[in-house]
N, C-alpha and C. Protein backbone atom coordinates (compact mmCIF):
# COMPACT_ATOMS: atom_id res chain seq x y z
N UNK A 1 30.10 61.95 134.64
CA UNK A 1 30.10 63.02 133.66
C UNK A 1 28.72 63.66 133.64
N UNK A 2 28.68 64.99 133.86
CA UNK A 2 27.42 65.71 133.89
C UNK A 2 27.07 66.20 132.50
N UNK A 3 25.86 65.87 132.04
CA UNK A 3 25.42 66.29 130.72
C UNK A 3 24.06 66.96 130.81
N UNK A 4 23.82 67.87 129.89
CA UNK A 4 22.51 68.48 129.76
C UNK A 4 21.63 67.49 129.02
N UNK A 5 20.42 67.21 129.55
CA UNK A 5 19.54 66.25 128.86
C UNK A 5 19.31 66.67 127.41
N UNK A 6 19.40 65.71 126.49
CA UNK A 6 19.16 65.96 125.08
C UNK A 6 20.39 66.43 124.31
N UNK A 7 21.50 66.67 125.00
CA UNK A 7 22.72 67.09 124.32
C UNK A 7 23.74 65.97 124.38
N UNK A 8 24.49 65.81 123.29
CA UNK A 8 25.42 64.70 123.21
C UNK A 8 26.77 65.01 123.84
N UNK A 9 27.04 66.30 124.11
CA UNK A 9 28.33 66.67 124.70
C UNK A 9 28.12 67.16 126.13
N UNK A 10 29.08 66.90 127.00
CA UNK A 10 28.95 67.39 128.37
C UNK A 10 28.97 68.92 128.41
N UNK A 11 28.29 69.49 129.38
CA UNK A 11 28.21 70.93 129.52
C UNK A 11 29.59 71.57 129.65
N UNK A 12 30.51 70.93 130.38
CA UNK A 12 31.84 71.52 130.54
C UNK A 12 32.57 71.63 129.21
N UNK A 13 32.33 70.68 128.30
CA UNK A 13 32.94 70.73 126.97
C UNK A 13 32.34 71.88 126.16
N UNK A 14 31.04 72.06 126.28
CA UNK A 14 30.37 73.16 125.58
C UNK A 14 30.88 74.51 126.10
N UNK A 15 31.09 74.60 127.41
CA UNK A 15 31.65 75.84 127.98
C UNK A 15 33.06 76.10 127.48
N UNK A 16 33.86 75.05 127.41
CA UNK A 16 35.24 75.20 126.91
C UNK A 16 35.22 75.69 125.47
N UNK A 17 34.35 75.13 124.65
CA UNK A 17 34.24 75.57 123.26
C UNK A 17 33.77 77.03 123.18
N UNK A 18 32.85 77.40 124.04
CA UNK A 18 32.35 78.78 124.09
C UNK A 18 33.50 79.74 124.41
N UNK A 19 34.30 79.41 125.41
CA UNK A 19 35.41 80.29 125.78
C UNK A 19 36.51 80.30 124.71
N UNK A 20 36.67 79.20 123.98
CA UNK A 20 37.61 79.21 122.85
C UNK A 20 37.15 80.21 121.80
N UNK A 21 35.85 80.28 121.58
CA UNK A 21 35.31 81.25 120.62
C UNK A 21 35.66 82.66 121.04
N UNK A 22 35.67 82.92 122.33
CA UNK A 22 36.00 84.26 122.84
C UNK A 22 37.50 84.51 122.86
N UNK A 23 38.30 83.51 122.55
CA UNK A 23 39.75 83.59 122.71
C UNK A 23 40.49 84.27 121.59
N UNK A 24 39.96 85.34 121.05
CA UNK A 24 40.67 86.10 120.02
C UNK A 24 40.42 87.58 120.25
N UNK A 25 41.47 88.41 120.25
CA UNK A 25 41.31 89.83 120.57
C UNK A 25 40.33 90.57 119.65
N UNK A 26 40.30 90.23 118.37
CA UNK A 26 39.37 90.92 117.46
C UNK A 26 37.93 90.57 117.82
N UNK A 27 37.67 89.31 118.15
CA UNK A 27 36.31 88.92 118.52
C UNK A 27 35.88 89.60 119.81
N UNK A 28 36.79 89.71 120.77
CA UNK A 28 36.46 90.42 122.01
C UNK A 28 36.15 91.88 121.72
N UNK A 29 36.98 92.51 120.89
CA UNK A 29 36.76 93.93 120.56
C UNK A 29 35.43 94.12 119.84
N UNK A 30 35.08 93.22 118.93
CA UNK A 30 33.79 93.29 118.25
C UNK A 30 32.66 93.22 119.27
N UNK A 31 32.75 92.28 120.19
CA UNK A 31 31.70 92.12 121.19
C UNK A 31 31.62 93.35 122.10
N UNK A 32 32.78 93.94 122.44
CA UNK A 32 32.77 95.16 123.23
C UNK A 32 32.04 96.28 122.50
N UNK A 33 32.34 96.46 121.22
CA UNK A 33 31.66 97.49 120.43
C UNK A 33 30.16 97.24 120.37
N UNK A 34 29.79 95.99 120.14
CA UNK A 34 28.37 95.66 120.04
C UNK A 34 27.66 95.71 121.38
N UNK A 35 28.42 95.69 122.47
CA UNK A 35 27.83 95.84 123.80
C UNK A 35 27.31 97.26 123.99
N UNK A 36 27.92 98.21 123.28
CA UNK A 36 27.51 99.61 123.37
C UNK A 36 26.25 99.86 122.54
N UNK A 37 26.24 99.33 121.31
CA UNK A 37 25.12 99.50 120.38
C UNK A 37 25.41 98.67 119.14
N UNK A 38 24.43 98.55 118.26
CA UNK A 38 24.67 97.86 117.00
C UNK A 38 25.61 98.70 116.15
N UNK A 39 26.38 98.01 115.30
CA UNK A 39 27.35 98.68 114.42
C UNK A 39 27.30 98.09 113.02
N UNK A 40 27.49 98.97 112.04
CA UNK A 40 27.69 98.50 110.67
C UNK A 40 29.12 97.99 110.56
N UNK A 41 29.35 97.09 109.65
CA UNK A 41 30.69 96.53 109.45
C UNK A 41 31.69 97.66 109.16
N UNK A 42 31.29 98.62 108.34
CA UNK A 42 32.19 99.73 108.00
C UNK A 42 32.61 100.52 109.24
N UNK A 43 31.70 100.69 110.21
CA UNK A 43 32.04 101.37 111.46
C UNK A 43 33.06 100.57 112.27
N UNK A 44 32.83 99.26 112.32
CA UNK A 44 33.73 98.41 113.09
C UNK A 44 35.12 98.38 112.49
N UNK A 45 35.21 98.40 111.17
CA UNK A 45 36.53 98.42 110.52
C UNK A 45 37.35 99.60 111.01
N UNK A 46 36.73 100.77 111.09
CA UNK A 46 37.44 101.95 111.56
C UNK A 46 37.84 101.87 113.01
N UNK A 47 37.01 101.24 113.82
CA UNK A 47 37.27 101.14 115.27
C UNK A 47 38.31 100.07 115.59
N UNK A 48 38.28 98.97 114.87
CA UNK A 48 39.12 97.81 115.21
C UNK A 48 40.46 97.85 114.51
N UNK A 49 40.48 98.38 113.30
CA UNK A 49 41.75 98.52 112.58
C UNK A 49 42.33 97.22 112.05
N UNK A 50 41.47 96.36 111.51
CA UNK A 50 41.95 95.14 110.85
C UNK A 50 41.45 95.16 109.42
N UNK A 51 41.98 94.27 108.60
CA UNK A 51 41.54 94.15 107.22
C UNK A 51 40.09 93.65 107.17
N UNK A 52 39.41 94.03 106.13
CA UNK A 52 38.01 93.65 105.95
C UNK A 52 37.82 92.13 105.98
N UNK A 53 38.71 91.40 105.32
CA UNK A 53 38.59 89.93 105.29
C UNK A 53 38.74 89.33 106.69
N UNK A 54 39.66 89.87 107.48
CA UNK A 54 39.86 89.39 108.84
C UNK A 54 38.62 89.65 109.68
N UNK A 55 38.06 90.86 109.60
CA UNK A 55 36.86 91.17 110.36
C UNK A 55 35.71 90.27 109.94
N UNK A 56 35.54 90.06 108.64
CA UNK A 56 34.47 89.19 108.15
C UNK A 56 34.61 87.77 108.70
N UNK A 57 35.85 87.28 108.73
CA UNK A 57 36.09 85.93 109.27
C UNK A 57 35.71 85.87 110.74
N UNK A 58 36.10 86.87 111.53
CA UNK A 58 35.80 86.88 112.96
C UNK A 58 34.30 87.03 113.20
N UNK A 59 33.63 87.85 112.40
CA UNK A 59 32.18 87.99 112.53
C UNK A 59 31.47 86.69 112.20
N UNK A 60 31.97 85.97 111.22
CA UNK A 60 31.37 84.68 110.86
C UNK A 60 31.48 83.68 112.01
N UNK A 61 32.61 83.67 112.69
CA UNK A 61 32.80 82.78 113.84
C UNK A 61 31.80 83.15 114.95
N UNK A 62 31.67 84.44 115.22
CA UNK A 62 30.73 84.89 116.25
C UNK A 62 29.28 84.58 115.86
N UNK A 63 28.97 84.69 114.59
CA UNK A 63 27.63 84.36 114.10
C UNK A 63 27.34 82.88 114.27
N UNK A 64 28.30 82.03 113.87
CA UNK A 64 28.11 80.57 114.01
C UNK A 64 27.95 80.17 115.48
N UNK A 65 28.62 80.90 116.37
CA UNK A 65 28.51 80.59 117.80
C UNK A 65 27.21 81.13 118.40
N UNK A 66 26.47 81.90 117.62
CA UNK A 66 25.19 82.43 118.11
C UNK A 66 25.32 83.65 119.00
N UNK A 67 26.47 84.33 118.94
CA UNK A 67 26.69 85.48 119.81
C UNK A 67 26.28 86.80 119.17
N UNK A 68 26.27 86.84 117.83
CA UNK A 68 25.85 88.04 117.11
C UNK A 68 24.90 87.64 115.98
N UNK A 69 24.14 88.63 115.53
CA UNK A 69 23.29 88.43 114.35
C UNK A 69 23.46 89.62 113.43
N UNK A 70 23.27 89.38 112.14
CA UNK A 70 23.47 90.40 111.11
C UNK A 70 22.14 90.77 110.49
N UNK A 71 22.10 92.04 110.05
CA UNK A 71 20.93 92.54 109.34
C UNK A 71 21.43 93.39 108.17
N UNK A 72 20.96 93.07 106.97
CA UNK A 72 21.37 93.82 105.78
C UNK A 72 20.45 95.02 105.62
N UNK A 73 21.08 96.18 105.40
CA UNK A 73 20.35 97.42 105.13
C UNK A 73 20.93 98.02 103.86
N UNK A 74 20.32 97.71 102.73
CA UNK A 74 20.87 98.16 101.45
C UNK A 74 22.19 97.47 101.20
N UNK A 75 23.26 98.25 101.03
CA UNK A 75 24.59 97.68 100.81
C UNK A 75 25.34 97.44 102.11
N UNK A 76 24.79 97.91 103.22
CA UNK A 76 25.46 97.82 104.52
C UNK A 76 24.94 96.62 105.31
N UNK A 77 25.82 96.03 106.13
CA UNK A 77 25.43 94.96 107.04
C UNK A 77 25.68 95.46 108.46
N UNK A 78 24.65 95.37 109.27
CA UNK A 78 24.73 95.82 110.65
C UNK A 78 24.66 94.61 111.58
N UNK A 79 25.49 94.63 112.61
CA UNK A 79 25.54 93.54 113.59
C UNK A 79 25.06 94.01 114.95
N UNK A 80 24.51 93.07 115.69
CA UNK A 80 24.11 93.31 117.08
C UNK A 80 24.32 92.03 117.88
N UNK A 81 24.39 92.17 119.20
CA UNK A 81 24.49 91.01 120.07
C UNK A 81 23.16 90.26 120.07
N UNK A 82 23.22 88.97 120.23
CA UNK A 82 21.99 88.18 120.31
C UNK A 82 21.39 88.19 121.71
N UNK A 83 22.20 88.58 122.70
CA UNK A 83 21.74 88.54 124.08
C UNK A 83 22.49 89.56 124.93
N UNK A 84 21.78 90.25 125.83
CA UNK A 84 22.47 91.19 126.72
C UNK A 84 23.44 90.50 127.68
N UNK A 85 23.30 89.20 127.86
CA UNK A 85 24.21 88.46 128.74
C UNK A 85 25.64 88.47 128.22
N UNK A 86 25.82 88.62 126.91
CA UNK A 86 27.17 88.70 126.35
C UNK A 86 27.86 89.95 126.89
N UNK A 87 27.15 91.07 126.91
CA UNK A 87 27.71 92.31 127.46
C UNK A 87 27.99 92.15 128.95
N UNK A 88 27.12 91.46 129.66
CA UNK A 88 27.33 91.22 131.09
C UNK A 88 28.57 90.36 131.32
N UNK A 89 28.78 89.37 130.46
CA UNK A 89 29.96 88.51 130.57
C UNK A 89 31.23 89.34 130.40
N UNK A 90 31.25 90.23 129.42
CA UNK A 90 32.42 91.08 129.20
C UNK A 90 32.65 92.01 130.39
N UNK A 91 31.58 92.54 130.97
CA UNK A 91 31.71 93.40 132.14
C UNK A 91 32.25 92.61 133.33
N UNK A 92 31.79 91.38 133.48
CA UNK A 92 32.29 90.51 134.56
C UNK A 92 33.77 90.21 134.36
N UNK A 93 34.16 89.92 133.13
CA UNK A 93 35.58 89.65 132.84
C UNK A 93 36.42 90.87 133.19
N UNK A 94 35.93 92.07 132.85
CA UNK A 94 36.65 93.30 133.18
C UNK A 94 36.82 93.44 134.70
N UNK A 95 35.76 93.15 135.45
CA UNK A 95 35.82 93.25 136.91
C UNK A 95 36.82 92.25 137.48
N UNK A 96 36.81 91.03 136.98
CA UNK A 96 37.75 90.02 137.45
C UNK A 96 39.17 90.45 137.15
N UNK A 97 39.42 90.89 135.93
CA UNK A 97 40.77 91.31 135.54
C UNK A 97 41.24 92.53 136.33
N UNK A 98 40.33 93.45 136.60
CA UNK A 98 40.68 94.62 137.41
C UNK A 98 41.15 94.18 138.79
N UNK A 99 40.45 93.21 139.38
CA UNK A 99 40.85 92.68 140.69
C UNK A 99 42.18 91.96 140.63
N UNK A 100 42.39 91.19 139.58
CA UNK A 100 43.65 90.45 139.44
C UNK A 100 44.81 91.43 139.30
N UNK A 101 44.65 92.43 138.43
CA UNK A 101 45.71 93.42 138.22
C UNK A 101 45.98 94.20 139.50
N UNK A 102 44.93 94.57 140.22
CA UNK A 102 45.10 95.30 141.48
C UNK A 102 45.88 94.45 142.47
N UNK A 103 45.58 93.15 142.51
CA UNK A 103 46.32 92.25 143.41
C UNK A 103 47.78 92.14 143.02
N UNK A 104 48.07 92.13 141.73
CA UNK A 104 49.45 92.06 141.27
C UNK A 104 50.20 93.34 141.61
N UNK A 105 49.54 94.48 141.48
CA UNK A 105 50.16 95.76 141.83
C UNK A 105 50.47 95.79 143.31
N UNK A 106 49.52 95.34 144.13
CA UNK A 106 49.76 95.30 145.58
C UNK A 106 50.94 94.41 145.91
N UNK A 107 51.04 93.25 145.26
CA UNK A 107 52.14 92.33 145.52
C UNK A 107 53.48 92.97 145.14
N UNK A 108 53.50 93.73 144.08
CA UNK A 108 54.74 94.40 143.65
C UNK A 108 55.13 95.54 144.58
N UNK A 109 54.14 96.14 145.22
CA UNK A 109 54.42 97.26 146.11
C UNK A 109 54.85 96.83 147.51
N UNK A 110 54.68 95.55 147.84
CA UNK A 110 55.08 95.06 149.15
C UNK A 110 56.59 95.08 149.27
N UNK A 111 57.12 95.44 150.45
CA UNK A 111 58.57 95.43 150.63
C UNK A 111 59.14 94.02 150.47
N UNK A 112 60.28 93.94 149.85
CA UNK A 112 60.92 92.64 149.60
C UNK A 112 61.60 92.10 150.82
């Protein structure tokens, strides 16, 4: 079992937990929006189209995972990514999925 020195859980388990955190469409959409620029919660509500309580819950999960950070500005709360690598991960996922979908289309177009 491969472990990172000083950590009690194996790296593969930490990766699995990380990907579980990403396993919700609202959280992915939040991260996509924040990949473009920081957003106030009110802006994200309009873009994502979920109830305020649901968005708050998803933002809390992303905050606990260390993927986003919040900054209060008066009555507004603005979020941003903690690392540009999060945006790179989403871009990589898009590239992988584009290739997978293209392969499926090619398979469907082949004569039977």
